[in-house]
Amino acid sequence: MQVSVETLGNLERRVTLRVPTERVESQIGGRLREIARTAHMKGFRPGKVPAKVIEQRYGSQVRSEVLDELLSQGFDQAVRENELRIAGQPRIEPANDGGEGELAYVATFEVMPDFGEIDVAKLQVVRHVADVTEADIDRMIENLRLQRRSWTLVNRPAQANDAVDVETWSVVDGVRMPAEGAERGVTLIGSGAMFSEIENGLVGMSAGEEKSLNVQFPADWRVPQLAGKSAEVNLKVEGISESVMPEVDAEFIKSFGVKSGDMAQFRVEIRNNLERELKGALMNRLRREVGEQLVAAYAHVEMPPRLVDNEARALLAQTVEQARRQGRQVEPPAEAYLDFIEPARKRVLVALLVGETARRNALSLDPRRLNETLRLIASTYEEPQQVIDLYRNDRNLMAGLQNRVMEEQVIDWIAERAQHTEQTLSFQEAITPQ
């Protein structure tokens, strides 16, 4: 196989691979003969399937496999011989200048930038710490009670924490919304589901009562027709319900999987869950902290353009998917990914630096940490062993977990060697997204 390497830019390279057609056909023929010796096909005895039938059934698949292997071997050889360090996946396409008796392919790819010296001791990192307290456990139990509360209709004026069945319609700029009828729903006073002035206006109203409010909506209000405008909002209360909180008794505790119904064991389970959540939140904070320091220190280093573009497109796709899950249909223009170029560049920079730090310092995946993380993930499910088996039998799932754990290891390694200070947070502060 003939291999040549060209430099297309600071970080872009092109490898041309030329494979003799005879070599390809020879390997394809050999594999098809191997298949023919053991193939089981209806109407033929084992090993007696005609070569033409084998070719029709398996030829395309075998040709693809042989070409993939030969091109992969040639590409790997070019990378080794030229001491290239690849960033991202190569794009391999047929070449237009293949000569007689050969197949030619071109692999275009990007290489790692030169970071120079990576001195993590110069970084200044704030490491947040927090603990789960008894008050945090009490707060969680109260949240669980709220999740299990029931509602009872009452014959009195509405007050805070009541669920109010209400009809609304508005007039803005002389236009009625909706044009006919009214919007009906249930809102919990104090939840913030409706604009605060409207929720406050419901306080003191009784079933069957109507009221009109003049409301000035903020410029960033989620309903575009109302954003930044003054509107007349009309309310009609249809019904009022108050919550009935469950007692924290044995039956309540058992409903959360604590078979004994014992309060002490219940609190232990809650503590374990909160500590698991806290650990993940603190790691996310540390990842962000270290990432920001790395970006500040190495912002001058040129990043592989295609890698950044791909990351920007991935960020756009995540944003669109999140919007759709919220019920919003979004069709971004073709160039919308450009709005994500800067955050994408930072993410690529941090990812490459973390990988380079691991390589230069011969850091390897800690099996104990991997197993611990897997057990923590599995413990959140009813059948933990099934989750563990799922990961161990799925190569892609396990590879993703390994990458995550390795990244966390390197982040910890950097933070330990950087100039760092500790900042104590409460549990609630720690788990609040930044």
Protein backbone atom coordinates (compact mmCIF):
# COMPACT_ATOMS: atom_id res chain seq x y z
CA MET A 1 0.00 0.00 0.00
CA GLN A 2 1.27 3.45 -0.93
CA VAL A 3 0.78 6.18 1.68
CA SER A 4 1.52 9.91 1.43
CA VAL A 5 0.95 12.70 3.96
CA GLU A 6 0.25 16.38 3.14
CA THR A 7 -0.03 19.44 5.38
CA LEU A 8 -3.18 21.47 4.62
CA GLY A 9 -2.98 23.98 7.47
CA ASN A 10 -1.59 24.46 10.96
CA LEU A 11 -3.63 21.60 12.34
CA GLU A 12 -5.05 19.85 9.27
CA ARG A 13 -3.44 16.93 7.46
CA ARG A 14 -4.35 14.71 4.51
CA VAL A 15 -3.25 11.14 3.97
CA THR A 16 -3.66 9.50 0.54
CA LEU A 17 -3.97 5.71 0.61
CA ARG A 18 -3.48 3.65 -2.56
CA VAL A 19 -4.40 -0.04 -2.39
CA PRO A 20 -3.75 -2.48 -5.27
CA THR A 21 -7.09 -3.78 -6.56
CA GLU A 22 -5.58 -7.26 -6.78
CA ARG A 23 -4.87 -7.28 -3.05
CA VAL A 24 -8.42 -6.23 -2.24
CA GLU A 25 -9.99 -8.84 -4.51
CA SER A 26 -7.67 -11.53 -3.16
CA GLN A 27 -8.73 -10.90 0.42
CA ILE A 28 -12.39 -10.70 -0.53
CA GLY A 29 -12.17 -14.01 -2.40
CA GLY A 30 -10.43 -15.68 0.54
CA ARG A 31 -13.11 -14.59 3.00
CA LEU A 32 -15.96 -15.62 0.72
CA ARG A 33 -14.40 -19.08 0.41
CA GLU A 34 -14.19 -19.32 4.20
CA ILE A 35 -17.86 -18.38 4.47
CA ALA A 36 -18.81 -20.93 1.80
CA ARG A 37 -17.24 -23.78 3.81
CA THR A 38 -19.61 -23.25 6.75
CA ALA A 39 -22.60 -21.34 5.32
CA HIS A 40 -26.06 -22.76 6.03
CA MET A 41 -28.59 -21.72 3.39
CA LYS A 42 -31.98 -23.18 2.65
CA GLY A 43 -31.91 -25.55 -0.31
CA PHE A 44 -28.18 -26.32 -0.05
CA ARG A 45 -26.14 -28.72 2.00
CA PRO A 46 -23.53 -27.15 4.34
CA GLY A 47 -20.41 -26.34 2.37
CA LYS A 48 -22.15 -26.87 -0.98
CA VAL A 49 -23.56 -23.38 -1.54
CA PRO A 50 -22.50 -22.14 -5.02
CA ALA A 51 -19.88 -19.39 -5.05
CA LYS A 52 -22.21 -17.10 -7.01
CA VAL A 53 -24.90 -17.38 -4.32
CA ILE A 54 -22.33 -16.66 -1.58
CA GLU A 55 -21.16 -13.62 -3.55
CA GLN A 56 -24.70 -12.31 -3.91
CA ARG A 57 -25.48 -12.79 -0.22
CA TYR A 58 -22.22 -11.73 1.44
CA GLY A 59 -20.14 -9.97 -1.23
CA SER A 60 -21.09 -6.38 -0.36
CA GLN A 61 -20.58 -6.88 3.38
CA VAL A 62 -17.22 -8.63 2.93
CA ARG A 63 -15.95 -5.99 0.47
CA SER A 64 -16.80 -3.25 2.97
CA GLU A 65 -15.07 -5.10 5.81
CA VAL A 66 -11.91 -5.78 3.79
CA LEU A 67 -11.64 -2.17 2.61
CA ASP A 68 -12.22 -0.83 6.12
CA GLU A 69 -9.47 -3.05 7.53
CA LEU A 70 -6.94 -2.25 4.79
CA LEU A 71 -7.57 1.49 5.00
CA SER A 72 -7.41 1.39 8.78
CA GLN A 73 -4.08 -0.46 8.63
CA GLY A 74 -2.66 2.01 6.12
CA PHE A 75 -3.90 5.01 8.07
CA ASP A 76 -2.49 3.68 11.36
CA GLN A 77 0.84 3.06 9.65
CA ALA A 78 0.95 6.65 8.33
CA VAL A 79 0.13 8.02 11.79
CA ARG A 80 2.88 5.98 13.45
CA GLU A 81 5.56 6.65 10.85
CA ASN A 82 4.88 10.41 10.82
CA GLU A 83 4.38 10.63 14.61
CA LEU A 84 1.02 12.28 14.18
CA ARG A 85 -1.30 12.81 17.14
CA ILE A 86 -4.87 12.93 15.92
CA ALA A 87 -7.61 15.14 17.34
CA GLY A 88 -11.05 13.77 16.50
CA GLN A 89 -12.03 11.24 13.85
CA PRO A 90 -10.57 11.22 10.32
CA ARG A 91 -12.86 11.67 7.31
CA ILE A 92 -12.05 9.00 4.70
CA GLU A 93 -13.41 9.39 1.16
CA PRO A 94 -12.63 7.89 -2.28
CA ALA A 95 -10.02 9.88 -4.21
CA ASN A 96 -10.55 11.04 -7.78
CA ASP A 97 -7.03 10.28 -8.99
CA GLY A 98 -6.90 6.51 -8.55
CA GLY A 99 -4.69 4.89 -11.19
CA GLU A 100 -5.30 1.70 -13.12
CA GLY A 101 -5.26 -1.40 -10.91
CA GLU A 102 -5.58 0.50 -7.64
CA LEU A 103 -8.12 1.99 -5.27
CA ALA A 104 -7.30 5.42 -3.88
CA TYR A 105 -8.73 7.03 -0.74
CA VAL A 106 -8.07 10.30 1.05
CA ALA A 107 -8.19 10.64 4.85
CA THR A 108 -8.52 14.24 6.08
CA PHE A 109 -8.03 14.88 9.78
CA GLU A 110 -6.82 17.32 12.40
CA VAL A 111 -3.88 16.96 14.76
CA MET A 112 -3.36 18.00 18.36
CA PRO A 113 -2.26 21.60 18.92
CA ASP A 114 1.03 22.37 20.63
CA PHE A 115 0.24 23.39 24.20
CA GLY A 116 3.85 23.85 25.17
CA GLU A 117 4.49 23.33 28.88
CA ILE A 118 1.39 22.43 30.87
CA ASP A 119 2.15 23.68 34.38
CA VAL A 120 -0.97 23.05 36.47
CA ALA A 121 0.80 24.41 39.58
CA LYS A 122 0.22 27.92 38.20
CA LEU A 123 -3.55 27.49 38.23
CA GLN A 124 -5.61 28.94 41.08
CA VAL A 125 -8.59 26.74 41.86
CA VAL A 126 -11.40 27.18 44.39
CA ARG A 127 -12.48 23.79 45.70
CA HIS A 128 -15.97 23.75 47.20
CA VAL A 129 -16.78 21.46 50.12
CA ALA A 130 -20.10 20.65 51.78
CA ASP A 131 -21.71 18.10 54.07
CA VAL A 132 -25.16 16.60 54.43
CA THR A 133 -26.68 17.69 57.75
CA GLU A 134 -29.65 16.40 59.75
CA ALA A 135 -31.52 19.53 58.66
CA ASP A 136 -30.96 18.56 55.01
CA ILE A 137 -32.48 15.14 55.73
CA ASP A 138 -35.45 16.78 57.48
CA ARG A 139 -35.93 19.04 54.46
CA MET A 140 -35.90 16.04 52.11
CA ILE A 141 -38.48 14.19 54.21
CA GLU A 142 -40.68 17.28 54.03
CA ASN A 143 -40.24 17.34 50.24
CA LEU A 144 -41.27 13.68 50.08
CA ARG A 145 -44.38 14.49 52.11
CA LEU A 146 -45.18 17.28 49.65
CA GLN A 147 -44.85 14.81 46.78
CA ARG A 148 -47.38 12.49 48.44
CA ARG A 149 -49.87 15.12 49.63
CA SER A 150 -53.53 14.90 48.69
CA TRP A 151 -56.03 17.70 48.03
CA THR A 152 -59.42 18.44 49.56
CA LEU A 153 -61.97 20.98 48.31
CA VAL A 154 -62.65 23.75 50.82
CA ASN A 155 -65.36 26.40 51.12
CA ARG A 156 -63.31 29.44 52.12
CA PRO A 157 -61.25 32.21 50.47
CA ALA A 158 -57.99 31.16 48.83
CA GLN A 159 -54.74 31.52 50.71
CA ALA A 160 -51.06 30.74 50.25
CA ASN A 161 -50.29 27.10 49.30
CA ASP A 162 -53.84 26.44 48.11
CA ALA A 163 -54.50 24.89 44.71
CA VAL A 164 -56.90 27.15 42.82
CA ASP A 165 -58.91 26.04 39.79
CA VAL A 166 -59.07 29.29 37.82
CA GLU A 167 -60.22 30.63 34.46
CA THR A 168 -58.25 33.51 32.92
CA TRP A 169 -58.50 35.76 29.89
CA SER A 170 -56.63 38.96 29.10
CA VAL A 171 -56.85 42.09 26.99
CA VAL A 172 -53.60 43.56 25.67
CA ASP A 173 -53.40 46.41 23.13
CA GLY A 174 -57.16 46.04 22.67
CA VAL A 175 -56.84 42.38 21.66
CA ARG A 176 -58.55 39.64 23.68
CA MET A 177 -56.51 36.55 24.58
CA PRO A 178 -57.85 34.00 23.90
CA ALA A 179 -60.21 35.40 21.29
CA GLU A 180 -63.08 33.31 22.69
CA GLY A 181 -63.70 31.60 26.01
CA ALA A 182 -60.99 31.41 28.67
CA GLU A 183 -57.92 29.44 29.63
CA ARG A 184 -58.52 27.10 32.54
CA GLY A 185 -55.99 25.49 34.83
CA VAL A 186 -54.98 24.79 38.39
CA THR A 187 -52.27 26.89 40.02
CA LEU A 188 -50.63 26.55 43.41
CA ILE A 189 -50.48 29.93 45.10
CA GLY A 190 -46.84 30.68 45.87
CA SER A 191 -45.41 28.24 43.33
CA GLY A 192 -44.55 30.89 40.74
CA ALA A 193 -46.39 28.98 38.00
CA MET A 194 -48.32 32.18 37.20
CA PHE A 195 -47.03 35.74 37.25
CA SER A 196 -46.63 36.81 40.90
CA GLU A 197 -49.14 39.69 40.69
CA ILE A 198 -51.78 37.29 39.36
CA GLU A 199 -51.06 34.67 42.03
CA ASN A 200 -51.26 37.34 44.72
CA GLY A 201 -54.53 38.52 43.21
CA LEU A 202 -56.05 35.09 43.81
CA VAL A 203 -55.49 35.36 47.57
CA GLY A 204 -58.80 36.11 49.29
CA MET A 205 -60.97 35.11 46.34
CA SER A 206 -63.70 32.50 46.83
CA ALA A 207 -65.19 29.94 44.45
CA GLY A 208 -67.42 31.68 41.89
CA GLU A 209 -65.80 35.08 42.44
CA GLU A 210 -64.40 37.13 39.54
CA LYS A 211 -61.75 39.86 39.52
CA SER A 212 -59.97 42.09 37.00
CA LEU A 213 -56.30 43.09 37.46
CA ASN A 214 -54.09 45.57 35.62
CA VAL A 215 -50.74 43.79 35.25
CA GLN A 216 -47.43 45.08 33.87
CA PHE A 217 -45.49 42.10 32.51
CA PRO A 218 -41.66 42.15 32.40
CA ALA A 219 -39.85 42.40 29.07
CA ASP A 220 -38.57 38.82 29.34
CA TRP A 221 -41.95 37.26 30.14
CA ARG A 222 -42.33 33.80 28.61
CA VAL A 223 -45.50 34.68 26.65
CA PRO A 224 -44.30 36.89 23.74
CA GLN A 225 -47.67 38.64 23.29
CA LEU A 226 -47.53 39.85 26.91
CA ALA A 227 -43.80 40.52 27.32
CA GLY A 228 -43.11 44.11 28.32
CA LYS A 229 -46.78 45.12 28.08
CA SER A 230 -49.60 46.20 30.37
CA ALA A 231 -52.64 43.93 30.25
CA GLU A 232 -56.05 43.62 31.83
CA VAL A 233 -56.15 40.12 33.32
CA ASN A 234 -59.55 38.69 34.25
CA LEU A 235 -59.83 35.90 36.83
CA LYS A 236 -62.67 33.59 37.79
CA VAL A 237 -62.15 31.10 40.61
CA GLU A 238 -63.89 27.75 40.01
CA GLY A 239 -62.69 25.92 43.08
CA ILE A 240 -60.18 25.92 45.96
CA SER A 241 -58.37 22.94 47.46
CA GLU A 242 -56.06 22.69 50.44
CA SER A 243 -53.32 20.12 50.86
CA VAL A 244 -53.44 17.22 53.28
CA MET A 245 -49.93 16.11 54.26
CA PRO A 246 -49.28 12.42 54.99
CA GLU A 247 -47.89 11.29 58.34
CA VAL A 248 -44.34 9.94 58.30
CA ASP A 249 -45.31 6.53 59.61
CA ALA A 250 -44.19 3.00 58.81
CA GLU A 251 -46.44 2.74 55.75
CA PHE A 252 -45.14 6.03 54.36
CA ILE A 253 -41.53 4.87 54.87
CA LYS A 254 -42.20 1.46 53.28
CA SER A 255 -43.60 3.20 50.19
CA PHE A 256 -40.06 4.45 49.49
CA GLY A 257 -38.54 0.97 49.49
CA VAL A 258 -37.49 0.71 53.15
CA LYS A 259 -39.13 -2.63 53.90
CA SER A 260 -38.66 -2.38 57.67
CA GLY A 261 -40.57 0.91 57.88
CA ASP A 262 -37.93 2.02 60.41
CA MET A 263 -37.32 5.78 60.65
CA ALA A 264 -33.60 5.43 61.44
CA GLN A 265 -33.06 3.26 58.36
CA PHE A 266 -35.14 5.70 56.30
CA ARG A 267 -32.87 8.56 57.33
CA VAL A 268 -29.79 6.48 56.48
CA GLU A 269 -31.18 5.81 52.98
CA ILE A 270 -31.95 9.49 52.48
CA ARG A 271 -28.47 10.48 53.66
CA ASN A 272 -26.88 8.05 51.20
CA ASN A 273 -28.94 9.49 48.34
CA LEU A 274 -28.14 13.08 49.30
CA GLU A 275 -24.43 12.34 49.66
CA ARG A 276 -24.44 10.75 46.19
CA GLU A 277 -26.15 13.84 44.77
CA LEU A 278 -23.72 16.11 46.64
CA LYS A 279 -20.69 14.24 45.34
CA GLY A 280 -21.83 14.70 41.75
CA ALA A 281 -22.62 18.38 42.32
CA LEU A 282 -19.20 19.08 43.87
CA MET A 283 -17.45 17.31 40.99
CA ASN A 284 -19.41 19.42 38.50
CA ARG A 285 -18.32 22.56 40.34
CA LEU A 286 -14.70 21.40 40.37
CA ARG A 287 -14.87 20.47 36.68
CA ARG A 288 -16.17 23.95 35.90
CA GLU A 289 -13.58 25.63 38.13
CA VAL A 290 -10.63 23.74 36.65
CA GLY A 291 -12.02 24.20 33.14
CA GLU A 292 -12.25 27.96 33.54
CA GLN A 293 -8.66 28.12 34.78
CA LEU A 294 -7.41 26.00 31.87
CA VAL A 295 -9.29 28.15 29.36
CA ALA A 296 -7.82 31.33 30.86
CA ALA A 297 -4.27 29.94 30.80
CA TYR A 298 -4.36 28.44 27.28
CA ALA A 299 -6.87 30.63 25.42
CA HIS A 300 -4.12 31.61 22.98
CA VAL A 301 -3.69 28.06 21.64
CA GLU A 302 -5.30 27.42 18.25
CA MET A 303 -7.98 24.72 18.29
CA PRO A 304 -8.78 22.23 15.49
CA PRO A 305 -11.53 24.07 13.52
CA ARG A 306 -13.53 21.00 12.49
CA LEU A 307 -13.49 19.63 16.03
CA VAL A 308 -14.85 22.95 17.30
CA ASP A 309 -17.52 23.05 14.58
CA ASN A 310 -18.67 19.53 15.44
CA GLU A 311 -18.90 20.42 19.12
CA ALA A 312 -20.88 23.58 18.29
CA ARG A 313 -23.33 21.53 16.23
CA ALA A 314 -23.67 19.07 19.12
CA LEU A 315 -24.43 21.93 21.54
CA LEU A 316 -27.06 23.28 19.14
CA ALA A 317 -28.63 19.82 18.86
CA GLN A 318 -28.81 19.56 22.66
CA THR A 319 -30.48 22.95 22.89
CA VAL A 320 -33.05 22.05 20.23
CA GLU A 321 -33.79 18.71 21.91
CA GLN A 322 -34.25 20.41 25.28
CA ALA A 323 -36.68 22.91 23.73
CA ARG A 324 -38.68 20.10 22.16
CA ARG A 325 -38.93 18.28 25.47
CA GLN A 326 -40.43 21.47 26.88
CA GLY A 327 -43.05 21.40 24.15
CA ARG A 328 -41.47 24.06 21.91
CA GLN A 329 -40.92 23.24 18.26
CA VAL A 330 -37.65 24.78 17.11
CA GLU A 331 -36.28 24.81 13.56
CA PRO A 332 -32.92 26.61 13.77
CA PRO A 333 -31.38 28.04 10.59
CA ALA A 334 -28.44 26.24 9.00
CA GLU A 335 -25.87 28.63 10.48
CA ALA A 336 -27.33 28.63 14.00
CA TYR A 337 -24.44 26.50 15.27
CA LEU A 338 -22.16 29.54 14.85
CA ASP A 339 -23.73 31.02 17.99
CA PHE A 340 -22.20 28.11 19.91
CA ILE A 341 -18.67 28.38 18.51
CA GLU A 342 -17.18 30.12 21.56
CA PRO A 343 -18.53 27.71 24.20
CA ALA A 344 -17.64 24.85 21.87
CA ARG A 345 -14.07 26.11 21.56
CA LYS A 346 -13.75 26.22 25.35
CA ARG A 347 -15.12 22.70 25.72
CA VAL A 348 -12.73 21.35 23.09
CA LEU A 349 -9.80 23.20 24.69
CA VAL A 350 -10.53 21.73 28.12
CA ALA A 351 -11.10 18.22 26.76
CA LEU A 352 -7.82 18.24 24.81
CA LEU A 353 -5.89 19.67 27.76
CA VAL A 354 -7.31 17.05 30.12
CA GLY A 355 -6.35 14.30 27.69
CA GLU A 356 -2.89 15.76 27.15
CA THR A 357 -2.34 16.09 30.90
CA ALA A 358 -3.23 12.42 31.35
CA ARG A 359 -0.87 11.38 28.54
CA ARG A 360 2.12 13.43 29.70
CA ASN A 361 1.77 12.24 33.28
CA ALA A 362 1.01 8.62 32.41
CA LEU A 363 -2.32 8.75 34.26
CA SER A 364 -4.45 5.66 33.79
CA LEU A 365 -8.00 4.70 34.66
CA ASP A 366 -8.42 3.58 38.27
CA PRO A 367 -10.50 0.36 38.19
CA ARG A 368 -11.63 0.87 41.78
CA ARG A 369 -12.98 4.33 40.99
CA LEU A 370 -14.69 2.98 37.88
CA ASN A 371 -16.38 0.20 39.86
CA GLU A 372 -17.37 2.61 42.62
CA THR A 373 -18.96 5.00 40.10
CA LEU A 374 -20.79 2.13 38.42
CA ARG A 375 -22.14 0.93 41.78
CA LEU A 376 -23.29 4.45 42.62
CA ILE A 377 -25.15 4.73 39.31
CA ALA A 378 -26.70 1.28 39.77
CA SER A 379 -27.79 2.03 43.34
CA THR A 380 -30.35 4.55 42.08
CA TYR A 381 -32.31 1.75 40.36
CA GLU A 382 -34.58 -0.95 41.81
CA GLU A 383 -32.41 -3.76 40.39
CA PRO A 384 -28.78 -2.55 40.74
CA GLN A 385 -27.21 -5.78 39.45
CA GLN A 386 -29.16 -5.56 36.20
CA VAL A 387 -27.76 -2.07 35.61
CA ILE A 388 -24.21 -3.25 36.36
CA ASP A 389 -24.63 -6.15 33.94
CA LEU A 390 -26.05 -3.79 31.30
CA TYR A 391 -22.97 -1.57 31.44
CA ARG A 392 -20.55 -4.50 31.44
CA ASN A 393 -22.22 -6.06 28.41
CA ASP A 394 -22.57 -2.85 26.39
CA ARG A 395 -19.26 -1.63 25.00
CA ASN A 396 -20.53 1.87 24.21
CA LEU A 397 -22.09 2.40 27.65
CA MET A 398 -18.92 1.21 29.38
CA ALA A 399 -16.69 3.35 27.15
CA GLY A 400 -18.74 6.42 28.02
CA LEU A 401 -18.48 5.64 31.73
CA GLN A 402 -14.73 5.05 31.46
CA ASN A 403 -14.26 8.41 29.73
CA ARG A 404 -16.29 10.16 32.42
CA VAL A 405 -14.36 8.54 35.28
CA MET A 406 -11.01 9.21 33.61
CA GLU A 407 -11.91 12.87 33.13
CA GLU A 408 -12.88 13.15 36.81
CA GLN A 409 -9.58 11.54 37.81
CA VAL A 410 -7.58 14.05 35.78
CA ILE A 411 -9.65 16.97 37.09
CA ASP A 412 -8.92 15.83 40.66
CA TRP A 413 -5.23 15.38 39.80
CA ILE A 414 -5.01 18.93 38.41
CA ALA A 415 -6.90 20.44 41.35
CA GLU A 416 -4.62 18.73 43.88
CA ARG A 417 -1.50 20.20 42.23
CA ALA A 418 -2.91 23.65 41.54
CA GLN A 419 -2.90 26.49 44.04
CA HIS A 420 -6.26 25.86 45.62
CA THR A 421 -8.41 27.22 48.39
CA GLU A 422 -11.46 25.64 49.97
CA GLN A 423 -14.85 27.31 50.18
CA THR A 424 -17.53 25.76 52.38
CA LEU A 425 -21.08 25.66 51.06
CA SER A 426 -24.34 24.42 52.48
CA PHE A 427 -25.88 21.36 50.83
CA GLN A 428 -28.50 23.51 49.11
CA GLU A 429 -25.88 25.95 47.81
CA ALA A 430 -23.73 23.10 46.54
CA ILE A 431 -26.46 21.36 44.55
CA THR A 432 -27.84 24.56 43.02
CA PRO A 433 -26.74 24.61 39.34
CA GLN A 434 -24.22 27.34 38.54
